[in-house]
Amino acid sequence: MKDWYNKLEPRERKFLMAAGIVLVIAFVYFILWQPVVKKVNRLEKSTVEQQKLVTWMKTTAIEVKQLRRASGPVVNIPKGRSLLGVIDKTTKMRKLDTAVKRVKPEGDSKARVWLEGADFNTIIRWVEELQRQQGVKVVNAVVDRTKEPGKVDARIVFDSSES
């Protein structure tokens, strides 16, 4: 290889060296530098989105606290009405019925509700209404954000038994 290089004309050697340098620079740029820059940009964008989410959650938490203070006294579910009936009626009133994907009773006093693509603020108001006006307690809740801002998927377990 060295003999072949030495047999080249000086002009060809300079061209070959320049091409080698260009290849090394291109390698460093495309294999090392560009992926790092892209990753940094993605992380910066993600950080901005996370900061917006935190701001939104803080605002919503304040709204939830205000709703709690403004709510009336707790009234238990009237005798003869089922928890499922109350859930059905209140989801329709809050226009959450299209987001409800499944309701599963668990015994006489518990129900598990799956919601998809529901407005987070509406879910909070609905749960608050069930707690304050119907005496229904949330036993467990899992809320996952979706790609659409303000929309969430939720799985909530309610309990209407008197404690």
N, C-alpha and C. Protein backbone atom coordinates (compact mmCIF):
# COMPACT_ATOMS: atom_id res chain seq x y z
N MET A 1 0.83 -1.18 0.00
CA MET A 1 0.00 0.00 0.00
C MET A 1 0.88 1.26 0.00
N LYS A 2 1.97 1.19 0.80
CA LYS A 2 2.89 2.32 0.86
C LYS A 2 3.59 2.51 -0.48
N ASP A 3 3.95 1.40 -1.13
CA ASP A 3 4.59 1.49 -2.45
C ASP A 3 3.64 2.13 -3.46
N TRP A 4 2.39 1.71 -3.41
CA TRP A 4 1.39 2.27 -4.34
C TRP A 4 1.26 3.77 -4.12
N TYR A 5 1.22 4.19 -2.86
CA TYR A 5 1.09 5.60 -2.53
C TYR A 5 2.32 6.38 -3.02
N ASN A 6 3.49 5.82 -2.80
CA ASN A 6 4.72 6.50 -3.22
C ASN A 6 4.83 6.61 -4.74
N LYS A 7 4.20 5.70 -5.47
CA LYS A 7 4.25 5.74 -6.93
C LYS A 7 3.32 6.81 -7.51
N LEU A 8 2.40 7.32 -6.69
CA LEU A 8 1.48 8.35 -7.17
C LEU A 8 2.21 9.67 -7.37
N GLU A 9 1.68 10.46 -8.27
CA GLU A 9 2.24 11.78 -8.51
C GLU A 9 1.92 12.68 -7.30
N PRO A 10 2.73 13.68 -7.07
CA PRO A 10 2.50 14.56 -5.91
C PRO A 10 1.10 15.17 -5.90
N ARG A 11 0.62 15.52 -7.08
CA ARG A 11 -0.73 16.10 -7.19
C ARG A 11 -1.78 15.08 -6.76
N GLU A 12 -1.64 13.81 -7.16
CA GLU A 12 -2.58 12.76 -6.78
C GLU A 12 -2.50 12.48 -5.28
N ARG A 13 -1.29 12.54 -4.73
CA ARG A 13 -1.13 12.32 -3.28
C ARG A 13 -1.86 13.41 -2.49
N LYS A 14 -1.73 14.66 -2.95
CA LYS A 14 -2.42 15.77 -2.28
C LYS A 14 -3.93 15.60 -2.36
N PHE A 15 -4.40 15.19 -3.53
CA PHE A 15 -5.83 14.96 -3.71
C PHE A 15 -6.31 13.83 -2.79
N LEU A 16 -5.55 12.76 -2.73
CA LEU A 16 -5.89 11.62 -1.87
C LEU A 16 -5.91 12.03 -0.40
N MET A 17 -4.93 12.83 0.02
CA MET A 17 -4.89 13.31 1.40
C MET A 17 -6.10 14.19 1.70
N ALA A 18 -6.43 15.09 0.76
CA ALA A 18 -7.59 15.97 0.95
C ALA A 18 -8.88 15.14 1.04
N ALA A 19 -9.00 14.15 0.16
CA ALA A 19 -10.18 13.28 0.21
C ALA A 19 -10.26 12.53 1.53
N GLY A 20 -9.14 12.08 2.03
CA GLY A 20 -9.09 11.38 3.31
C GLY A 20 -9.53 12.28 4.46
N ILE A 21 -9.04 13.52 4.43
CA ILE A 21 -9.43 14.48 5.47
C ILE A 21 -10.93 14.76 5.41
N VAL A 22 -11.45 14.95 4.18
CA VAL A 22 -12.88 15.19 4.01
C VAL A 22 -13.69 13.99 4.54
N LEU A 23 -13.23 12.78 4.26
CA LEU A 23 -13.92 11.59 4.76
C LEU A 23 -13.90 11.51 6.29
N VAL A 24 -12.78 11.84 6.88
CA VAL A 24 -12.68 11.82 8.35
C VAL A 24 -13.62 12.86 8.95
N ILE A 25 -13.62 14.05 8.38
CA ILE A 25 -14.51 15.11 8.87
C ILE A 25 -15.97 14.69 8.71
N ALA A 26 -16.33 14.13 7.54
CA ALA A 26 -17.70 13.67 7.32
C ALA A 26 -18.08 12.57 8.31
N PHE A 27 -17.16 11.66 8.56
CA PHE A 27 -17.40 10.58 9.53
C PHE A 27 -17.68 11.17 10.92
N VAL A 28 -16.83 12.06 11.36
CA VAL A 28 -16.99 12.68 12.69
C VAL A 28 -18.33 13.41 12.75
N TYR A 29 -18.66 14.15 11.69
CA TYR A 29 -19.91 14.92 11.69
C TYR A 29 -21.14 14.01 11.71
N PHE A 30 -21.23 13.09 10.76
CA PHE A 30 -22.43 12.28 10.61
C PHE A 30 -22.57 11.16 11.64
N ILE A 31 -21.48 10.61 12.10
CA ILE A 31 -21.54 9.48 13.03
C ILE A 31 -21.48 9.95 14.49
N LEU A 32 -20.76 11.02 14.76
CA LEU A 32 -20.59 11.45 16.14
C LEU A 32 -21.37 12.73 16.47
N TRP A 33 -21.08 13.80 15.75
CA TRP A 33 -21.61 15.11 16.11
C TRP A 33 -23.12 15.23 15.89
N GLN A 34 -23.61 14.90 14.72
CA GLN A 34 -25.03 15.09 14.39
C GLN A 34 -25.95 14.30 15.33
N PRO A 35 -25.71 13.03 15.65
CA PRO A 35 -26.59 12.34 16.59
C PRO A 35 -26.62 12.99 17.98
N VAL A 36 -25.50 13.49 18.43
CA VAL A 36 -25.46 14.16 19.73
C VAL A 36 -26.31 15.43 19.70
N VAL A 37 -26.18 16.21 18.65
CA VAL A 37 -26.95 17.45 18.52
C VAL A 37 -28.44 17.13 18.46
N LYS A 38 -28.82 16.10 17.69
CA LYS A 38 -30.23 15.72 17.61
C LYS A 38 -30.77 15.30 18.97
N LYS A 39 -30.00 14.54 19.72
CA LYS A 39 -30.42 14.08 21.04
C LYS A 39 -30.60 15.27 21.99
N VAL A 40 -29.67 16.22 21.95
CA VAL A 40 -29.77 17.41 22.79
C VAL A 40 -31.03 18.20 22.43
N ASN A 41 -31.32 18.35 21.15
CA ASN A 41 -32.53 19.07 20.71
C ASN A 41 -33.79 18.37 21.20
N ARG A 42 -33.82 17.03 21.10
CA ARG A 42 -34.98 16.27 21.58
C ARG A 42 -35.16 16.45 23.09
N LEU A 43 -34.06 16.42 23.82
CA LEU A 43 -34.14 16.58 25.27
C LEU A 43 -34.60 17.99 25.65
N GLU A 44 -34.13 19.00 24.92
CA GLU A 44 -34.57 20.36 25.18
C GLU A 44 -36.07 20.50 24.93
N LYS A 45 -36.54 19.92 23.83
CA LYS A 45 -37.97 19.97 23.51
C LYS A 45 -38.78 19.22 24.57
N SER A 46 -38.29 18.08 24.99
CA SER A 46 -38.97 17.31 26.03
C SER A 46 -39.04 18.08 27.34
N THR A 47 -37.96 18.77 27.67
CA THR A 47 -37.93 19.56 28.90
C THR A 47 -38.97 20.67 28.86
N VAL A 48 -39.09 21.33 27.73
CA VAL A 48 -40.09 22.39 27.57
C VAL A 48 -41.50 21.80 27.74
N GLU A 49 -41.74 20.65 27.12
CA GLU A 49 -43.06 20.01 27.24
C GLU A 49 -43.34 19.61 28.69
N GLN A 50 -42.34 19.09 29.37
CA GLN A 50 -42.52 18.69 30.77
C GLN A 50 -42.79 19.91 31.64
N GLN A 51 -42.13 21.02 31.36
CA GLN A 51 -42.36 22.24 32.13
C GLN A 51 -43.79 22.75 31.91
N LYS A 52 -44.28 22.67 30.69
CA LYS A 52 -45.66 23.06 30.40
C LYS A 52 -46.63 22.16 31.15
N LEU A 53 -46.33 20.87 31.19
CA LEU A 53 -47.18 19.93 31.90
C LEU A 53 -47.21 20.23 33.40
N VAL A 54 -46.07 20.53 33.97
CA VAL A 54 -46.01 20.86 35.39
C VAL A 54 -46.82 22.13 35.67
N THR A 55 -46.68 23.12 34.83
CA THR A 55 -47.45 24.36 35.00
C THR A 55 -48.95 24.08 34.93
N TRP A 56 -49.35 23.28 33.97
CA TRP A 56 -50.76 22.92 33.81
C TRP A 56 -51.26 22.15 35.03
N MET A 57 -50.44 21.22 35.53
CA MET A 57 -50.85 20.44 36.70
C MET A 57 -50.99 21.33 37.94
N LYS A 58 -50.08 22.29 38.12
CA LYS A 58 -50.19 23.21 39.25
C LYS A 58 -51.46 24.03 39.17
N THR A 59 -51.77 24.52 37.98
CA THR A 59 -53.00 25.29 37.78
C THR A 59 -54.22 24.44 38.08
N THR A 60 -54.21 23.21 37.60
CA THR A 60 -55.33 22.31 37.83
C THR A 60 -55.46 21.96 39.31
N ALA A 61 -54.34 21.80 40.00
CA ALA A 61 -54.38 21.49 41.44
C ALA A 61 -55.05 22.64 42.20
N ILE A 62 -54.74 23.86 41.82
CA ILE A 62 -55.38 25.02 42.46
C ILE A 62 -56.88 24.99 42.20
N GLU A 63 -57.26 24.67 40.97
CA GLU A 63 -58.68 24.59 40.62
C GLU A 63 -59.38 23.50 41.42
N VAL A 64 -58.72 22.36 41.60
CA VAL A 64 -59.30 21.26 42.38
C VAL A 64 -59.52 21.71 43.82
N LYS A 65 -58.53 22.39 44.39
CA LYS A 65 -58.68 22.88 45.77
C LYS A 65 -59.85 23.85 45.90
N GLN A 66 -60.00 24.72 44.91
CA GLN A 66 -61.12 25.67 44.93
C GLN A 66 -62.45 24.94 44.82
N LEU A 67 -62.50 23.92 43.98
CA LEU A 67 -63.73 23.14 43.84
C LEU A 67 -64.07 22.41 45.13
N ARG A 68 -63.07 21.90 45.81
CA ARG A 68 -63.30 21.21 47.08
C ARG A 68 -63.89 22.15 48.11
N ARG A 69 -63.35 23.36 48.18
CA ARG A 69 -63.86 24.34 49.15
C ARG A 69 -65.27 24.78 48.79
N ALA A 70 -65.57 24.88 47.49
CA ALA A 70 -66.87 25.38 47.05
C ALA A 70 -67.97 24.32 47.07
N SER A 71 -67.59 23.05 47.17
CA SER A 71 -68.58 21.98 47.13
C SER A 71 -69.42 21.96 48.39
N GLY A 72 -70.62 21.45 48.21
CA GLY A 72 -71.54 21.33 49.34
C GLY A 72 -71.24 20.10 50.17
N PRO A 73 -72.10 19.81 51.12
CA PRO A 73 -71.91 18.65 51.99
C PRO A 73 -72.08 17.34 51.24
N VAL A 74 -71.50 16.27 51.81
CA VAL A 74 -71.59 14.94 51.22
C VAL A 74 -72.99 14.38 51.41
N VAL A 75 -73.55 13.85 50.33
CA VAL A 75 -74.85 13.18 50.38
C VAL A 75 -74.64 11.78 49.83
N ASN A 76 -74.99 10.77 50.58
CA ASN A 76 -74.78 9.40 50.13
C ASN A 76 -75.79 9.01 49.05
N ILE A 77 -75.44 7.98 48.30
CA ILE A 77 -76.32 7.48 47.25
C ILE A 77 -77.64 7.07 47.90
N PRO A 78 -78.76 7.54 47.34
CA PRO A 78 -80.06 7.18 47.91
C PRO A 78 -80.27 5.67 47.87
N LYS A 79 -80.99 5.17 48.86
CA LYS A 79 -81.30 3.74 48.92
C LYS A 79 -82.04 3.34 47.65
N GLY A 80 -81.71 2.19 47.15
CA GLY A 80 -82.37 1.68 45.95
C GLY A 80 -81.65 2.05 44.66
N ARG A 81 -80.69 2.97 44.73
CA ARG A 81 -79.92 3.31 43.52
C ARG A 81 -78.57 2.63 43.59
N SER A 82 -78.14 2.12 42.46
CA SER A 82 -76.86 1.41 42.44
C SER A 82 -75.72 2.36 42.08
N LEU A 83 -74.53 1.97 42.46
CA LEU A 83 -73.34 2.73 42.10
C LEU A 83 -73.22 2.83 40.59
N LEU A 84 -73.52 1.74 39.88
CA LEU A 84 -73.42 1.75 38.42
C LEU A 84 -74.38 2.75 37.81
N GLY A 85 -75.58 2.85 38.38
CA GLY A 85 -76.56 3.82 37.90
C GLY A 85 -76.09 5.25 38.11
N VAL A 86 -75.50 5.49 39.27
CA VAL A 86 -74.98 6.83 39.57
C VAL A 86 -73.84 7.17 38.62
N ILE A 87 -72.93 6.21 38.39
CA ILE A 87 -71.81 6.44 37.47
C ILE A 87 -72.34 6.74 36.07
N ASP A 88 -73.30 5.96 35.62
CA ASP A 88 -73.87 6.16 34.29
C ASP A 88 -74.50 7.54 34.17
N LYS A 89 -75.31 7.90 35.15
CA LYS A 89 -76.01 9.19 35.11
C LYS A 89 -75.03 10.36 35.14
N THR A 90 -74.05 10.29 36.04
CA THR A 90 -73.13 11.42 36.18
C THR A 90 -72.16 11.53 35.00
N THR A 91 -71.77 10.41 34.39
CA THR A 91 -70.90 10.52 33.21
C THR A 91 -71.65 11.16 32.05
N LYS A 92 -72.94 10.88 31.94
CA LYS A 92 -73.74 11.51 30.89
C LYS A 92 -73.89 13.01 31.16
N MET A 93 -74.10 13.36 32.43
CA MET A 93 -74.25 14.77 32.78
C MET A 93 -72.96 15.54 32.50
N ARG A 94 -71.83 14.92 32.74
CA ARG A 94 -70.53 15.56 32.52
C ARG A 94 -70.02 15.37 31.10
N LYS A 95 -70.79 14.72 30.27
CA LYS A 95 -70.42 14.42 28.88
C LYS A 95 -69.14 13.59 28.80
N LEU A 96 -69.01 12.68 29.75
CA LEU A 96 -67.88 11.74 29.76
C LEU A 96 -68.29 10.38 29.22
N ASP A 97 -69.57 10.21 28.90
CA ASP A 97 -70.07 8.89 28.49
C ASP A 97 -69.38 8.37 27.24
N THR A 98 -68.92 9.26 26.36
CA THR A 98 -68.22 8.80 25.15
C THR A 98 -66.80 8.32 25.48
N ALA A 99 -66.25 8.82 26.58
CA ALA A 99 -64.89 8.42 26.98
C ALA A 99 -64.90 7.13 27.80
N VAL A 100 -66.06 6.79 28.36
CA VAL A 100 -66.15 5.56 29.17
C VAL A 100 -66.09 4.36 28.24
N LYS A 101 -65.06 3.54 28.43
CA LYS A 101 -64.89 2.36 27.58
C LYS A 101 -65.38 1.09 28.26
N ARG A 102 -65.40 1.12 29.61
CA ARG A 102 -65.83 -0.09 30.32
C ARG A 102 -66.14 0.27 31.76
N VAL A 103 -67.19 -0.35 32.28
CA VAL A 103 -67.53 -0.24 33.69
C VAL A 103 -67.73 -1.65 34.20
N LYS A 104 -67.00 -2.01 35.25
CA LYS A 104 -67.07 -3.37 35.76
C LYS A 104 -67.42 -3.32 37.25
N PRO A 105 -68.57 -3.91 37.62
CA PRO A 105 -68.92 -3.94 39.04
C PRO A 105 -67.99 -4.91 39.78
N GLU A 106 -67.70 -4.57 41.03
CA GLU A 106 -66.90 -5.43 41.90
C GLU A 106 -67.66 -5.54 43.22
N GLY A 107 -68.50 -6.53 43.31
CA GLY A 107 -69.33 -6.68 44.51
C GLY A 107 -70.49 -5.71 44.46
N ASP A 108 -71.09 -5.48 45.62
CA ASP A 108 -72.27 -4.60 45.69
C ASP A 108 -71.92 -3.12 45.74
N SER A 109 -70.74 -2.81 46.24
CA SER A 109 -70.46 -1.40 46.50
C SER A 109 -69.26 -0.84 45.74
N LYS A 110 -68.63 -1.63 44.89
CA LYS A 110 -67.46 -1.13 44.16
C LYS A 110 -67.67 -1.26 42.65
N ALA A 111 -67.00 -0.37 41.93
CA ALA A 111 -67.04 -0.41 40.46
C ALA A 111 -65.73 0.11 39.92
N ARG A 112 -65.28 -0.50 38.85
CA ARG A 112 -64.04 -0.10 38.16
C ARG A 112 -64.46 0.53 36.84
N VAL A 113 -63.92 1.74 36.56
CA VAL A 113 -64.30 2.48 35.35
C VAL A 113 -63.04 2.77 34.53
N TRP A 114 -63.11 2.49 33.22
CA TRP A 114 -62.02 2.78 32.28
C TRP A 114 -62.47 3.92 31.37
N LEU A 115 -61.68 4.97 31.31
CA LEU A 115 -61.95 6.10 30.43
C LEU A 115 -60.76 6.27 29.49
N GLU A 116 -61.05 6.63 28.24
CA GLU A 116 -59.98 6.85 27.25
C GLU A 116 -60.21 8.18 26.55
N GLY A 117 -59.14 8.96 26.47
CA GLY A 117 -59.20 10.24 25.76
C GLY A 117 -60.14 11.24 26.39
N ALA A 118 -60.27 11.21 27.72
CA ALA A 118 -61.17 12.11 28.42
C ALA A 118 -60.44 13.37 28.86
N ASP A 119 -61.18 14.46 28.98
CA ASP A 119 -60.62 15.71 29.45
C ASP A 119 -60.29 15.58 30.94
N PHE A 120 -59.06 15.88 31.32
CA PHE A 120 -58.61 15.71 32.70
C PHE A 120 -59.43 16.55 33.67
N ASN A 121 -59.65 17.81 33.32
CA ASN A 121 -60.41 18.69 34.22
C ASN A 121 -61.83 18.17 34.43
N THR A 122 -62.43 17.64 33.38
CA THR A 122 -63.79 17.10 33.50
C THR A 122 -63.80 15.88 34.41
N ILE A 123 -62.79 15.02 34.29
CA ILE A 123 -62.71 13.85 35.17
C ILE A 123 -62.59 14.30 36.63
N ILE A 124 -61.75 15.28 36.89
CA ILE A 124 -61.56 15.78 38.26
C ILE A 124 -62.89 16.31 38.81
N ARG A 125 -63.60 17.08 38.02
CA ARG A 125 -64.90 17.61 38.46
C ARG A 125 -65.89 16.48 38.71
N TRP A 126 -65.89 15.49 37.83
CA TRP A 126 -66.80 14.35 37.97
C TRP A 126 -66.51 13.58 39.25
N VAL A 127 -65.24 13.27 39.48
CA VAL A 127 -64.86 12.53 40.70
C VAL A 127 -65.22 13.35 41.93
N GLU A 128 -64.97 14.66 41.88
CA GLU A 128 -65.31 15.53 43.01
C GLU A 128 -66.81 15.51 43.27
N GLU A 129 -67.59 15.55 42.20
CA GLU A 129 -69.05 15.48 42.33
C GLU A 129 -69.49 14.17 42.97
N LEU A 130 -68.91 13.06 42.51
CA LEU A 130 -69.26 11.76 43.08
C LEU A 130 -68.92 11.70 44.56
N GLN A 131 -67.78 12.28 44.94
CA GLN A 131 -67.38 12.25 46.34
C GLN A 131 -68.24 13.15 47.21
N ARG A 132 -68.46 14.36 46.77
CA ARG A 132 -69.18 15.34 47.59
C ARG A 132 -70.69 15.09 47.61
N GLN A 133 -71.26 14.84 46.46
CA GLN A 133 -72.72 14.77 46.38
C GLN A 133 -73.27 13.36 46.56
N GLN A 134 -72.48 12.34 46.23
CA GLN A 134 -72.99 10.98 46.29
C GLN A 134 -72.31 10.15 47.37
N GLY A 135 -71.25 10.66 47.98
CA GLY A 135 -70.54 9.92 49.02
C GLY A 135 -69.72 8.76 48.48
N VAL A 136 -69.39 8.79 47.21
CA VAL A 136 -68.61 7.73 46.58
C VAL A 136 -67.13 8.05 46.76
N LYS A 137 -66.36 7.08 47.19
CA LYS A 137 -64.93 7.29 47.43
C LYS A 137 -64.12 6.67 46.29
N VAL A 138 -62.99 7.28 46.01
CA VAL A 138 -62.06 6.71 45.04
C VAL A 138 -61.11 5.81 45.82
N VAL A 139 -61.09 4.53 45.47
CA VAL A 139 -60.21 3.57 46.12
C VAL A 139 -58.85 3.57 45.45
N ASN A 140 -58.86 3.66 44.13
CA ASN A 140 -57.62 3.61 43.35
C ASN A 140 -57.86 4.36 42.04
N ALA A 141 -56.83 5.06 41.60
CA ALA A 141 -56.94 5.77 40.32
C ALA A 141 -55.57 5.75 39.63
N VAL A 142 -55.59 5.42 38.36
CA VAL A 142 -54.39 5.48 37.53
C VAL A 142 -54.74 6.36 36.35
N VAL A 143 -53.96 7.43 36.16
CA VAL A 143 -54.23 8.37 35.09
C VAL A 143 -52.97 8.50 34.24
N ASP A 144 -53.12 8.28 32.93
CA ASP A 144 -52.01 8.39 31.99
C ASP A 144 -52.34 9.48 30.99
N ARG A 145 -51.38 10.37 30.75
CA ARG A 145 -51.63 11.41 29.76
C ARG A 145 -51.57 10.81 28.36
N THR A 146 -52.24 11.44 27.45
CA THR A 146 -52.21 11.03 26.05
C THR A 146 -51.40 12.06 25.27
N LYS A 147 -51.28 11.84 23.99
CA LYS A 147 -50.53 12.78 23.16
C LYS A 147 -51.26 14.11 23.02
N GLU A 148 -52.58 14.09 23.15
CA GLU A 148 -53.37 15.31 23.03
C GLU A 148 -53.36 16.07 24.36
N PRO A 149 -52.99 17.34 24.36
CA PRO A 149 -52.91 18.10 25.61
C PRO A 149 -54.26 18.14 26.33
N GLY A 150 -54.21 17.89 27.64
CA GLY A 150 -55.41 17.95 28.46
C GLY A 150 -56.24 16.69 28.47
N LYS A 151 -55.89 15.74 27.61
CA LYS A 151 -56.64 14.49 27.52
C LYS A 151 -55.86 13.37 28.22
N VAL A 152 -56.60 12.48 28.88
CA VAL A 152 -55.97 11.39 29.62
C VAL A 152 -56.74 10.09 29.44
N ASP A 153 -56.08 8.99 29.75
CA ASP A 153 -56.71 7.69 29.89
C ASP A 153 -56.69 7.41 31.39
N ALA A 154 -57.81 6.92 31.93
CA ALA A 154 -57.88 6.72 33.38
C ALA A 154 -58.57 5.41 33.71
N ARG A 155 -58.11 4.81 34.81
CA ARG A 155 -58.75 3.64 35.39
C ARG A 155 -59.01 3.98 36.85
N ILE A 156 -60.29 4.02 37.22
CA ILE A 156 -60.65 4.46 38.56
C ILE A 156 -61.53 3.41 39.22
N VAL A 157 -61.23 3.11 40.48
CA VAL A 157 -62.05 2.20 41.26
C VAL A 157 -62.80 3.03 42.30
N PHE A 158 -64.14 2.93 42.28
CA PHE A 158 -65.00 3.66 43.20
C PHE A 158 -65.58 2.69 44.24
N ASP A 159 -65.86 3.24 45.44
CA ASP A 159 -66.48 2.46 46.51
C ASP A 159 -67.60 3.32 47.11
N SER A 160 -68.80 2.75 47.16
CA SER A 160 -69.94 3.49 47.70
C SER A 160 -70.37 2.97 49.06
N SER A 161 -69.60 2.02 49.63
CA SER A 161 -69.99 1.49 50.93
C SER A 161 -69.78 2.55 52.00
N GLU A 162 -70.64 2.53 53.00
CA GLU A 162 -70.53 3.51 54.09
C GLU A 162 -69.45 3.06 55.04
N SER A 163 -68.57 3.97 55.40
CA SER A 163 -67.47 3.63 56.30
C SER A 163 -67.80 3.99 57.73
